[in-house]
């Protein structure tokens, strides 16, 4: 008789453990739920499953309710503790921050290495100076010469080395520019 009760208890405990692990795995796979929701969901599922199991396994002379509550509370508490570690995003967040910092440093070093060095610049303007009252309407042009040292892909099988960049900026009209106060002339 005792062996029969022990095998029944062991079978139920095994089923309960499988049920809790399945609930944890199912909740951990859902990306749309927050970590808190995943933990609470697995606690409720494990608590309900273990509570029913505890009530079914209660000895006939005892009340089923306290056994169900005890088993359910124990399963919910242990599943909650396990869920805190399984659904821990703190470690993943720290790892992602370290990767982001490393990539940011590498990108800054690459930018610094390949940034063009200004060699010369000049403003290319109008041959005659503009009257003061029209200067705000025109942005003068100019040119800049940069020294670089980089390889650029020209086609699938061709690399081109760049050593100088020449940029020309044409003069532009600014019709929405605010006029310069010429004093108190009316």
N, C-alpha and C. Protein backbone atom coordinates (compact mmCIF):
# COMPACT_ATOMS: atom_id res chain seq x y z
N UNK A 1 0.81 -1.19 0.00
CA UNK A 1 0.00 0.00 0.00
C UNK A 1 0.86 1.26 0.00
N UNK A 2 1.91 1.26 0.88
CA UNK A 2 2.80 2.42 0.95
C UNK A 2 3.55 2.61 -0.37
N UNK A 3 3.98 1.54 -0.99
CA UNK A 3 4.71 1.62 -2.25
C UNK A 3 3.82 2.23 -3.34
N UNK A 4 2.53 1.89 -3.28
CA UNK A 4 1.59 2.43 -4.26
C UNK A 4 1.43 3.94 -4.08
N UNK A 5 1.34 4.41 -2.82
CA UNK A 5 1.20 5.83 -2.53
C UNK A 5 2.48 6.58 -2.92
N UNK A 6 3.64 5.97 -2.62
CA UNK A 6 4.91 6.60 -2.98
C UNK A 6 5.07 6.72 -4.49
N UNK A 7 4.71 5.68 -5.24
CA UNK A 7 4.84 5.75 -6.69
C UNK A 7 3.85 6.77 -7.26
N UNK A 8 2.67 6.89 -6.66
CA UNK A 8 1.69 7.89 -7.10
C UNK A 8 2.23 9.30 -6.82
N UNK A 9 2.82 9.48 -5.62
CA UNK A 9 3.39 10.79 -5.28
C UNK A 9 4.57 11.14 -6.18
N UNK A 10 5.44 10.19 -6.46
CA UNK A 10 6.60 10.44 -7.31
C UNK A 10 6.14 10.78 -8.73
N UNK A 11 5.13 10.06 -9.21
CA UNK A 11 4.62 10.34 -10.55
C UNK A 11 4.04 11.76 -10.61
N UNK A 12 3.27 12.13 -9.60
CA UNK A 12 2.67 13.47 -9.58
C UNK A 12 3.73 14.56 -9.45
N UNK A 13 4.76 14.30 -8.63
CA UNK A 13 5.84 15.27 -8.50
C UNK A 13 6.58 15.43 -9.83
N UNK A 14 6.79 14.34 -10.54
CA UNK A 14 7.45 14.40 -11.84
C UNK A 14 6.61 15.18 -12.84
N UNK A 15 5.31 14.92 -12.86
CA UNK A 15 4.43 15.64 -13.76
C UNK A 15 4.40 17.12 -13.40
N UNK A 16 4.38 17.43 -12.11
CA UNK A 16 4.38 18.82 -11.66
C UNK A 16 5.65 19.55 -12.07
N UNK A 17 6.79 18.87 -11.93
CA UNK A 17 8.07 19.49 -12.32
C UNK A 17 8.10 19.74 -13.82
N UNK A 18 7.63 18.76 -14.60
CA UNK A 18 7.59 18.94 -16.05
C UNK A 18 6.64 20.09 -16.41
N UNK A 19 5.52 20.18 -15.70
CA UNK A 19 4.55 21.25 -15.95
C UNK A 19 5.16 22.62 -15.66
N UNK A 20 5.90 22.74 -14.55
CA UNK A 20 6.53 24.02 -14.21
C UNK A 20 7.62 24.39 -15.23
N UNK A 21 8.43 23.43 -15.63
CA UNK A 21 9.49 23.70 -16.60
C UNK A 21 8.88 24.09 -17.94
N UNK A 22 7.80 23.40 -18.34
CA UNK A 22 7.12 23.73 -19.59
C UNK A 22 6.55 25.14 -19.54
N UNK A 23 5.95 25.51 -18.41
CA UNK A 23 5.40 26.87 -18.26
C UNK A 23 6.52 27.91 -18.36
N UNK A 24 7.66 27.64 -17.72
CA UNK A 24 8.79 28.57 -17.80
C UNK A 24 9.30 28.71 -19.23
N UNK A 25 9.44 27.59 -19.93
CA UNK A 25 9.95 27.63 -21.31
C UNK A 25 8.97 28.34 -22.24
N UNK A 26 7.69 28.08 -22.07
CA UNK A 26 6.70 28.73 -22.93
C UNK A 26 6.70 30.24 -22.70
N UNK A 27 6.77 30.65 -21.44
CA UNK A 27 6.76 32.09 -21.14
C UNK A 27 8.06 32.76 -21.59
N UNK A 28 9.18 32.05 -21.50
CA UNK A 28 10.45 32.66 -21.88
C UNK A 28 10.55 32.87 -23.39
N UNK A 29 9.80 32.10 -24.16
CA UNK A 29 9.85 32.23 -25.60
C UNK A 29 9.02 33.38 -26.14
N UNK A 30 8.16 33.94 -25.32
CA UNK A 30 7.27 35.00 -25.79
C UNK A 30 7.98 36.34 -25.68
N UNK A 31 8.26 36.95 -26.82
CA UNK A 31 9.00 38.22 -26.84
C UNK A 31 8.11 39.42 -26.59
N UNK A 32 6.80 39.24 -26.71
CA UNK A 32 5.91 40.39 -26.56
C UNK A 32 5.57 40.67 -25.09
N UNK A 33 5.92 39.77 -24.19
CA UNK A 33 5.62 39.96 -22.77
C UNK A 33 6.83 40.54 -22.06
N UNK A 34 6.56 41.40 -21.06
CA UNK A 34 7.66 41.93 -20.26
C UNK A 34 8.15 40.85 -19.30
N UNK A 35 9.32 41.07 -18.73
CA UNK A 35 9.88 40.09 -17.80
C UNK A 35 8.99 39.91 -16.58
N UNK A 36 8.42 41.00 -16.09
CA UNK A 36 7.52 40.92 -14.94
C UNK A 36 6.30 40.08 -15.28
N UNK A 37 5.72 40.29 -16.45
CA UNK A 37 4.54 39.53 -16.87
C UNK A 37 4.88 38.06 -17.03
N UNK A 38 6.04 37.77 -17.60
CA UNK A 38 6.47 36.38 -17.75
C UNK A 38 6.60 35.70 -16.39
N UNK A 39 7.22 36.38 -15.44
CA UNK A 39 7.41 35.79 -14.11
C UNK A 39 6.08 35.56 -13.43
N UNK A 40 5.19 36.55 -13.47
CA UNK A 40 3.88 36.40 -12.81
C UNK A 40 3.07 35.31 -13.48
N UNK A 41 3.11 35.24 -14.81
CA UNK A 41 2.36 34.20 -15.52
C UNK A 41 2.84 32.81 -15.13
N UNK A 42 4.14 32.61 -15.11
CA UNK A 42 4.65 31.29 -14.73
C UNK A 42 4.35 30.98 -13.27
N UNK A 43 4.36 31.99 -12.42
CA UNK A 43 4.00 31.75 -11.01
C UNK A 43 2.54 31.30 -10.89
N UNK A 44 1.65 31.95 -11.62
CA UNK A 44 0.23 31.59 -11.56
C UNK A 44 0.01 30.19 -12.11
N UNK A 45 0.63 29.89 -13.26
CA UNK A 45 0.45 28.57 -13.87
C UNK A 45 1.00 27.48 -12.95
N UNK A 46 2.21 27.68 -12.44
CA UNK A 46 2.82 26.67 -11.58
C UNK A 46 2.05 26.55 -10.26
N UNK A 47 1.61 27.68 -9.70
CA UNK A 47 0.85 27.64 -8.45
C UNK A 47 -0.47 26.92 -8.62
N UNK A 48 -1.17 27.20 -9.71
CA UNK A 48 -2.45 26.54 -9.95
C UNK A 48 -2.26 25.04 -10.19
N UNK A 49 -1.28 24.69 -11.02
CA UNK A 49 -1.03 23.28 -11.30
C UNK A 49 -0.62 22.51 -10.05
N UNK A 50 0.28 23.07 -9.28
CA UNK A 50 0.74 22.39 -8.06
C UNK A 50 -0.36 22.38 -7.01
N UNK A 51 -1.20 23.41 -6.97
CA UNK A 51 -2.32 23.42 -6.01
C UNK A 51 -3.31 22.32 -6.30
N UNK A 52 -3.64 22.13 -7.55
CA UNK A 52 -4.55 21.04 -7.92
C UNK A 52 -3.91 19.70 -7.61
N UNK A 53 -2.64 19.56 -7.92
CA UNK A 53 -1.94 18.31 -7.64
C UNK A 53 -1.87 18.03 -6.13
N UNK A 54 -1.60 19.09 -5.35
CA UNK A 54 -1.55 18.92 -3.89
C UNK A 54 -2.89 18.52 -3.32
N UNK A 55 -3.96 19.09 -3.87
CA UNK A 55 -5.30 18.71 -3.39
C UNK A 55 -5.63 17.27 -3.76
N UNK A 56 -5.21 16.84 -4.95
CA UNK A 56 -5.48 15.46 -5.37
C UNK A 56 -4.66 14.44 -4.59
N UNK A 57 -3.47 14.83 -4.18
CA UNK A 57 -2.59 13.90 -3.46
C UNK A 57 -2.78 13.93 -1.95
N UNK A 58 -3.68 14.75 -1.46
CA UNK A 58 -3.89 14.85 -0.01
C UNK A 58 -4.44 13.52 0.52
N UNK A 59 -3.96 13.12 1.70
CA UNK A 59 -4.51 11.89 2.31
C UNK A 59 -6.01 12.06 2.56
N UNK A 60 -6.74 10.93 2.52
CA UNK A 60 -8.19 10.98 2.64
C UNK A 60 -8.65 11.53 3.97
N UNK A 61 -7.86 11.36 5.01
CA UNK A 61 -8.28 11.84 6.33
C UNK A 61 -8.01 13.34 6.51
N UNK A 62 -7.20 13.97 5.65
CA UNK A 62 -6.89 15.40 5.74
C UNK A 62 -7.77 16.20 4.79
N UNK A 63 -7.85 17.49 5.06
CA UNK A 63 -8.59 18.39 4.19
C UNK A 63 -7.73 18.67 2.94
N UNK A 64 -8.37 18.74 1.79
CA UNK A 64 -7.64 18.94 0.54
C UNK A 64 -7.19 20.40 0.36
N UNK A 65 -7.95 21.34 0.89
CA UNK A 65 -7.66 22.76 0.69
C UNK A 65 -6.29 23.17 1.24
N UNK A 66 -5.94 22.85 2.49
CA UNK A 66 -4.60 23.25 2.97
C UNK A 66 -3.46 22.62 2.17
N UNK A 67 -3.65 21.38 1.74
CA UNK A 67 -2.60 20.73 0.93
C UNK A 67 -2.46 21.45 -0.41
N UNK A 68 -3.58 21.77 -1.05
CA UNK A 68 -3.54 22.47 -2.33
C UNK A 68 -2.90 23.85 -2.18
N UNK A 69 -3.26 24.56 -1.11
CA UNK A 69 -2.67 25.89 -0.88
C UNK A 69 -1.17 25.81 -0.60
N UNK A 70 -0.78 24.84 0.21
CA UNK A 70 0.64 24.68 0.53
C UNK A 70 1.45 24.34 -0.72
N UNK A 71 0.97 23.38 -1.50
CA UNK A 71 1.69 23.00 -2.71
C UNK A 71 1.69 24.14 -3.73
N UNK A 72 0.56 24.80 -3.88
CA UNK A 72 0.46 25.90 -4.84
C UNK A 72 1.35 27.07 -4.46
N UNK A 73 1.35 27.42 -3.17
CA UNK A 73 2.18 28.53 -2.71
C UNK A 73 3.67 28.19 -2.85
N UNK A 74 4.03 26.96 -2.51
CA UNK A 74 5.43 26.55 -2.65
C UNK A 74 5.87 26.59 -4.11
N UNK A 75 5.04 26.08 -5.01
CA UNK A 75 5.39 26.07 -6.42
C UNK A 75 5.45 27.49 -6.98
N UNK A 76 4.49 28.34 -6.59
CA UNK A 76 4.49 29.72 -7.10
C UNK A 76 5.73 30.46 -6.61
N UNK A 77 6.08 30.27 -5.32
CA UNK A 77 7.25 30.96 -4.78
C UNK A 77 8.54 30.48 -5.46
N UNK A 78 8.68 29.17 -5.59
CA UNK A 78 9.91 28.66 -6.21
C UNK A 78 9.98 29.03 -7.70
N UNK A 79 8.85 29.02 -8.39
CA UNK A 79 8.83 29.43 -9.79
C UNK A 79 9.15 30.91 -9.92
N UNK A 80 8.66 31.72 -8.98
CA UNK A 80 8.97 33.15 -9.00
C UNK A 80 10.46 33.41 -8.81
N UNK A 81 11.07 32.68 -7.89
CA UNK A 81 12.51 32.84 -7.66
C UNK A 81 13.30 32.40 -8.90
N UNK A 82 12.91 31.26 -9.47
CA UNK A 82 13.58 30.79 -10.69
C UNK A 82 13.37 31.79 -11.83
N UNK A 83 12.15 32.33 -11.93
CA UNK A 83 11.83 33.29 -12.98
C UNK A 83 12.65 34.56 -12.90
N UNK A 84 13.00 34.96 -11.67
CA UNK A 84 13.85 36.14 -11.53
C UNK A 84 15.20 35.96 -12.20
N UNK A 85 15.70 34.75 -12.18
CA UNK A 85 17.00 34.48 -12.81
C UNK A 85 16.88 34.13 -14.29
N UNK A 86 15.80 33.41 -14.64
CA UNK A 86 15.62 33.02 -16.04
C UNK A 86 15.30 34.24 -16.90
N UNK A 87 14.44 35.11 -16.38
CA UNK A 87 14.01 36.28 -17.15
C UNK A 87 14.80 37.53 -16.79
N UNK A 88 16.02 37.35 -16.32
CA UNK A 88 16.84 38.48 -15.92
C UNK A 88 17.40 39.18 -17.15
N UNK A 89 16.95 40.39 -17.37
CA UNK A 89 17.42 41.17 -18.51
C UNK A 89 18.59 42.08 -18.12
N UNK A 90 18.90 42.16 -16.85
CA UNK A 90 19.99 43.03 -16.39
C UNK A 90 21.32 42.59 -17.00
N UNK A 91 21.58 41.29 -16.99
CA UNK A 91 22.83 40.78 -17.55
C UNK A 91 22.88 41.03 -19.06
N UNK A 92 21.74 40.82 -19.74
CA UNK A 92 21.71 41.06 -21.18
C UNK A 92 21.88 42.54 -21.48
N UNK A 93 21.28 43.39 -20.66
CA UNK A 93 21.41 44.84 -20.87
C UNK A 93 22.85 45.28 -20.69
N UNK A 94 23.51 44.77 -19.63
CA UNK A 94 24.92 45.13 -19.41
C UNK A 94 25.79 44.67 -20.56
N UNK A 95 25.53 43.45 -21.04
CA UNK A 95 26.31 42.93 -22.17
C UNK A 95 26.09 43.79 -23.42
N UNK A 96 24.85 44.19 -23.66
CA UNK A 96 24.56 45.04 -24.82
C UNK A 96 25.21 46.41 -24.68
N UNK A 97 25.23 46.96 -23.47
CA UNK A 97 25.89 48.25 -23.25
C UNK A 97 27.39 48.15 -23.50
N UNK A 98 28.01 47.07 -23.05
CA UNK A 98 29.44 46.89 -23.29
C UNK A 98 29.73 46.78 -24.79
N UNK A 99 28.89 46.04 -25.52
CA UNK A 99 29.08 45.94 -26.97
C UNK A 99 28.89 47.29 -27.64
N UNK A 100 27.88 48.04 -27.20
CA UNK A 100 27.61 49.35 -27.79
C UNK A 100 28.78 50.31 -27.52
N UNK A 101 29.32 50.29 -26.30
CA UNK A 101 30.47 51.14 -25.98
C UNK A 101 31.68 50.78 -26.84
N UNK A 102 31.92 49.49 -27.00
CA UNK A 102 33.05 49.03 -27.80
C UNK A 102 32.89 49.49 -29.25
N UNK A 103 31.70 49.32 -29.80
CA UNK A 103 31.45 49.72 -31.19
C UNK A 103 31.57 51.24 -31.33
N UNK A 104 31.08 51.99 -30.34
CA UNK A 104 31.18 53.45 -30.39
C UNK A 104 32.63 53.90 -30.39
N UNK A 105 33.46 53.27 -29.56
CA UNK A 105 34.88 53.61 -29.53
C UNK A 105 35.56 53.27 -30.85
N UNK A 106 35.24 52.10 -31.40
CA UNK A 106 35.83 51.71 -32.69
C UNK A 106 35.41 52.68 -33.79
N UNK A 107 34.14 53.07 -33.78
CA UNK A 107 33.64 54.00 -34.79
C UNK A 107 34.31 55.36 -34.65
N UNK A 108 34.48 55.83 -33.42
CA UNK A 108 35.15 57.12 -33.20
C UNK A 108 36.60 57.06 -33.67
N UNK A 109 37.29 55.95 -33.40
CA UNK A 109 38.67 55.80 -33.85
C UNK A 109 38.73 55.75 -35.37
N UNK A 110 37.79 55.09 -35.99
CA UNK A 110 37.77 55.02 -37.46
C UNK A 110 37.50 56.40 -38.06
N UNK A 111 36.54 57.13 -37.48
CA UNK A 111 36.24 58.47 -37.98
C UNK A 111 37.45 59.39 -37.84
N UNK A 112 38.11 59.31 -36.70
CA UNK A 112 39.28 60.15 -36.47
C UNK A 112 40.38 59.82 -37.46
N UNK A 113 40.52 58.53 -37.74
CA UNK A 113 41.56 58.08 -38.65
C UNK A 113 41.27 58.51 -40.09
N UNK A 114 40.01 58.48 -40.50
CA UNK A 114 39.68 58.78 -41.89
C UNK A 114 39.11 60.18 -42.09
N UNK A 115 39.12 61.01 -41.07
CA UNK A 115 38.60 62.38 -41.22
C UNK A 115 39.52 63.19 -42.12
N UNK A 116 38.93 63.94 -43.04
CA UNK A 116 39.76 64.75 -43.93
C UNK A 116 40.45 65.89 -43.17
N UNK A 117 41.66 66.18 -43.57
CA UNK A 117 42.44 67.26 -42.96
C UNK A 117 42.37 68.48 -43.88
N UNK A 118 41.88 69.60 -43.36
CA UNK A 118 41.74 70.81 -44.17
C UNK A 118 43.12 71.38 -44.49
N UNK A 119 43.40 71.53 -45.79
CA UNK A 119 44.68 72.05 -46.23
C UNK A 119 44.57 73.54 -46.54
N UNK A 120 43.54 73.93 -47.27
CA UNK A 120 43.37 75.32 -47.65
C UNK A 120 41.90 75.61 -47.90
N UNK A 121 41.54 76.88 -47.75
CA UNK A 121 40.18 77.31 -48.02
C UNK A 121 40.20 78.77 -48.46
N UNK A 122 39.20 79.15 -49.23
CA UNK A 122 39.12 80.52 -49.68
C UNK A 122 37.67 80.82 -50.02
N UNK A 123 37.29 82.06 -49.80
CA UNK A 123 35.94 82.47 -50.17
C UNK A 123 35.98 82.98 -51.60
N UNK A 124 35.14 82.39 -52.41
CA UNK A 124 35.00 82.86 -53.79
C UNK A 124 33.75 83.72 -53.82
N UNK A 125 33.95 84.97 -53.99
CA UNK A 125 32.81 85.87 -53.93
C UNK A 125 32.61 86.59 -55.24
N UNK A 126 31.98 87.69 -55.12
CA UNK A 126 31.69 88.50 -56.28
C UNK A 126 32.88 89.39 -56.58
N UNK A 127 33.02 89.76 -57.84
CA UNK A 127 34.13 90.63 -58.23
C UNK A 127 34.03 91.99 -57.55
N UNK A 128 32.84 92.51 -57.49
CA UNK A 128 32.62 93.80 -56.83
C UNK A 128 31.86 93.53 -55.54
N UNK A 129 32.18 94.26 -54.49
CA UNK A 129 31.46 94.04 -53.24
C UNK A 129 30.00 94.49 -53.39
N UNK A 130 29.12 93.76 -52.69
CA UNK A 130 27.69 94.10 -52.71
C UNK A 130 27.42 95.31 -51.84
N UNK A 131 26.42 96.09 -52.19
CA UNK A 131 26.01 97.17 -51.28
C UNK A 131 25.57 96.57 -49.95
N UNK A 132 25.77 97.29 -48.88
CA UNK A 132 25.49 96.81 -47.53
C UNK A 132 24.05 96.34 -47.40
N UNK A 133 23.12 97.04 -47.99
CA UNK A 133 21.72 96.68 -47.81
C UNK A 133 21.33 95.38 -48.52
N UNK A 134 22.20 94.82 -49.41
CA UNK A 134 21.92 93.56 -50.10
C UNK A 134 22.79 92.40 -49.61
N UNK A 135 23.75 92.67 -48.74
CA UNK A 135 24.68 91.62 -48.30
C UNK A 135 23.97 90.45 -47.63
N UNK A 136 22.89 90.73 -46.91
CA UNK A 136 22.18 89.64 -46.22
C UNK A 136 21.45 88.71 -47.18
N UNK A 137 21.28 89.13 -48.43
CA UNK A 137 20.56 88.32 -49.41
C UNK A 137 21.45 87.31 -50.13
N UNK A 138 22.77 87.41 -49.96
CA UNK A 138 23.69 86.55 -50.71
C UNK A 138 24.65 85.86 -49.74
N UNK A 139 24.77 84.55 -49.90
CA UNK A 139 25.80 83.79 -49.19
C UNK A 139 26.93 83.58 -50.18
N UNK A 140 28.10 84.12 -49.89
CA UNK A 140 29.19 83.98 -50.86
C UNK A 140 29.62 82.52 -50.98
N UNK A 141 30.19 82.20 -52.13
CA UNK A 141 30.68 80.85 -52.36
C UNK A 141 32.08 80.70 -51.80
N UNK A 142 32.66 79.55 -52.05
CA UNK A 142 34.03 79.31 -51.59
C UNK A 142 34.50 77.95 -52.03
N UNK A 143 35.73 77.66 -51.70
CA UNK A 143 36.27 76.34 -51.97
C UNK A 143 37.11 75.89 -50.80
N UNK A 144 37.25 74.56 -50.69
CA UNK A 144 38.05 73.96 -49.62
C UNK A 144 38.83 72.80 -50.21
N UNK A 145 40.05 72.64 -49.72
CA UNK A 145 40.90 71.54 -50.15
C UNK A 145 41.24 70.72 -48.92
N UNK A 146 40.97 69.41 -48.99
CA UNK A 146 41.20 68.50 -47.87
C UNK A 146 42.20 67.44 -48.27
N UNK A 147 43.03 67.04 -47.31
CA UNK A 147 43.97 65.94 -47.50
C UNK A 147 43.36 64.71 -46.82
N UNK A 148 43.26 63.61 -47.55
CA UNK A 148 42.72 62.37 -46.99
C UNK A 148 43.64 61.22 -47.38
N UNK A 149 43.43 60.10 -46.73
CA UNK A 149 44.20 58.89 -47.05
C UNK A 149 43.25 57.72 -46.87
N UNK A 150 42.52 57.39 -47.94
CA UNK A 150 41.56 56.30 -47.84
C UNK A 150 41.36 55.61 -49.18
N UNK A 151 40.89 54.37 -49.08
CA UNK A 151 40.57 53.56 -50.25
C UNK A 151 39.05 53.54 -50.39
N UNK A 152 38.57 53.70 -51.62
CA UNK A 152 37.15 53.71 -51.91
C UNK A 152 36.87 52.68 -52.99
N UNK A 153 35.79 51.93 -52.82
CA UNK A 153 35.40 50.94 -53.80
C UNK A 153 34.79 51.63 -55.01
N UNK A 154 35.36 51.43 -56.16
CA UNK A 154 34.87 52.02 -57.39
C UNK A 154 33.91 51.08 -58.10
N UNK A 155 34.23 49.81 -58.09
CA UNK A 155 33.36 48.77 -58.64
C UNK A 155 33.65 47.50 -57.86
N UNK A 156 33.06 46.41 -58.30
CA UNK A 156 33.22 45.16 -57.57
C UNK A 156 34.67 44.70 -57.51
N UNK A 157 35.43 45.00 -58.56
CA UNK A 157 36.81 44.52 -58.65
C UNK A 157 37.82 45.65 -58.66
N UNK A 158 37.46 46.82 -58.14
CA UNK A 158 38.37 47.95 -58.26
C UNK A 158 38.32 48.83 -57.01
N UNK A 159 39.50 49.16 -56.50
CA UNK A 159 39.65 50.09 -55.39
C UNK A 159 40.40 51.32 -55.89
N UNK A 160 40.00 52.48 -55.40
CA UNK A 160 40.66 53.73 -55.78
C UNK A 160 41.17 54.39 -54.50
N UNK A 161 42.41 54.84 -54.54
CA UNK A 161 42.97 55.52 -53.38
C UNK A 161 42.74 57.02 -53.54
N UNK A 162 42.17 57.63 -52.50
CA UNK A 162 41.94 59.07 -52.50
C UNK A 162 42.98 59.72 -51.62
N UNK A 163 43.54 60.84 -52.12
CA UNK A 163 44.49 61.58 -51.28
C UNK A 163 44.09 63.04 -51.13
N UNK A 164 43.25 63.57 -52.00
CA UNK A 164 42.80 64.96 -51.92
C UNK A 164 41.32 65.05 -52.27
N UNK A 165 40.63 65.96 -51.60
CA UNK A 165 39.24 66.26 -51.93
C UNK A 165 39.13 67.77 -52.10
N UNK A 166 38.56 68.17 -53.22
CA UNK A 166 38.34 69.59 -53.50
C UNK A 166 36.84 69.82 -53.52
N UNK A 167 36.38 70.73 -52.68
CA UNK A 167 34.95 71.04 -52.62
C UNK A 167 34.75 72.50 -53.01
N UNK A 168 33.78 72.70 -53.90
CA UNK A 168 33.45 74.04 -54.34
C UNK A 168 32.02 74.34 -53.89
N UNK A 169 31.82 75.49 -53.26
CA UNK A 169 30.50 75.92 -52.78
C UNK A 169 30.10 77.15 -53.58
N UNK A 170 29.02 77.03 -54.34
CA UNK A 170 28.57 78.14 -55.15
C UNK A 170 27.87 79.19 -54.29
N UNK A 171 27.92 80.44 -54.71
CA UNK A 171 27.17 81.47 -53.99
C UNK A 171 25.67 81.16 -54.08
N UNK A 172 24.94 81.57 -53.05
CA UNK A 172 23.50 81.29 -53.02
C UNK A 172 22.74 82.55 -52.63
N UNK A 173 21.51 82.63 -53.15
CA UNK A 173 20.61 83.70 -52.74
C UNK A 173 19.81 83.26 -51.53
N UNK A 174 19.60 84.19 -50.60
CA UNK A 174 18.83 83.92 -49.39
C UNK A 174 17.66 84.90 -49.31
N UNK A 175 16.57 84.67 -50.01
CA UNK A 175 15.47 85.64 -50.02
C UNK A 175 14.78 85.78 -48.67
N UNK A 176 14.88 84.80 -47.80
CA UNK A 176 14.21 84.90 -46.50
C UNK A 176 15.12 85.44 -45.40
N UNK A 177 16.33 85.87 -45.75
CA UNK A 177 17.28 86.39 -44.76
C UNK A 177 16.78 87.72 -44.22
N UNK A 178 17.07 87.98 -42.96
CA UNK A 178 16.66 89.24 -42.33
C UNK A 178 17.66 90.33 -42.69
N UNK A 179 17.16 91.51 -43.01
CA UNK A 179 18.07 92.62 -43.38
C UNK A 179 18.90 93.08 -42.19
N UNK A 180 20.08 93.58 -42.52
CA UNK A 180 21.00 94.13 -41.50
C UNK A 180 20.55 95.55 -41.21
N UNK A 181 20.46 95.88 -39.93
CA UNK A 181 20.07 97.26 -39.55
C UNK A 181 21.18 98.21 -39.96
N UNK A 182 20.81 99.22 -40.73
CA UNK A 182 21.80 100.18 -41.21
C UNK A 182 21.87 101.41 -40.31
N UNK A 183 21.32 101.31 -39.19
CA UNK A 183 21.28 102.47 -38.31
C UNK A 183 19.85 102.97 -38.16
N UNK A 184 19.68 104.22 -37.96
CA UNK A 184 18.34 104.75 -37.75
C UNK A 184 17.88 105.57 -38.96
N UNK A 185 18.20 105.12 -40.19
CA UNK A 185 17.75 105.85 -41.38
C UNK A 185 16.33 105.45 -41.72
N UNK A 186 15.51 106.43 -42.07
CA UNK A 186 14.12 106.15 -42.40
C UNK A 186 13.81 106.50 -43.81
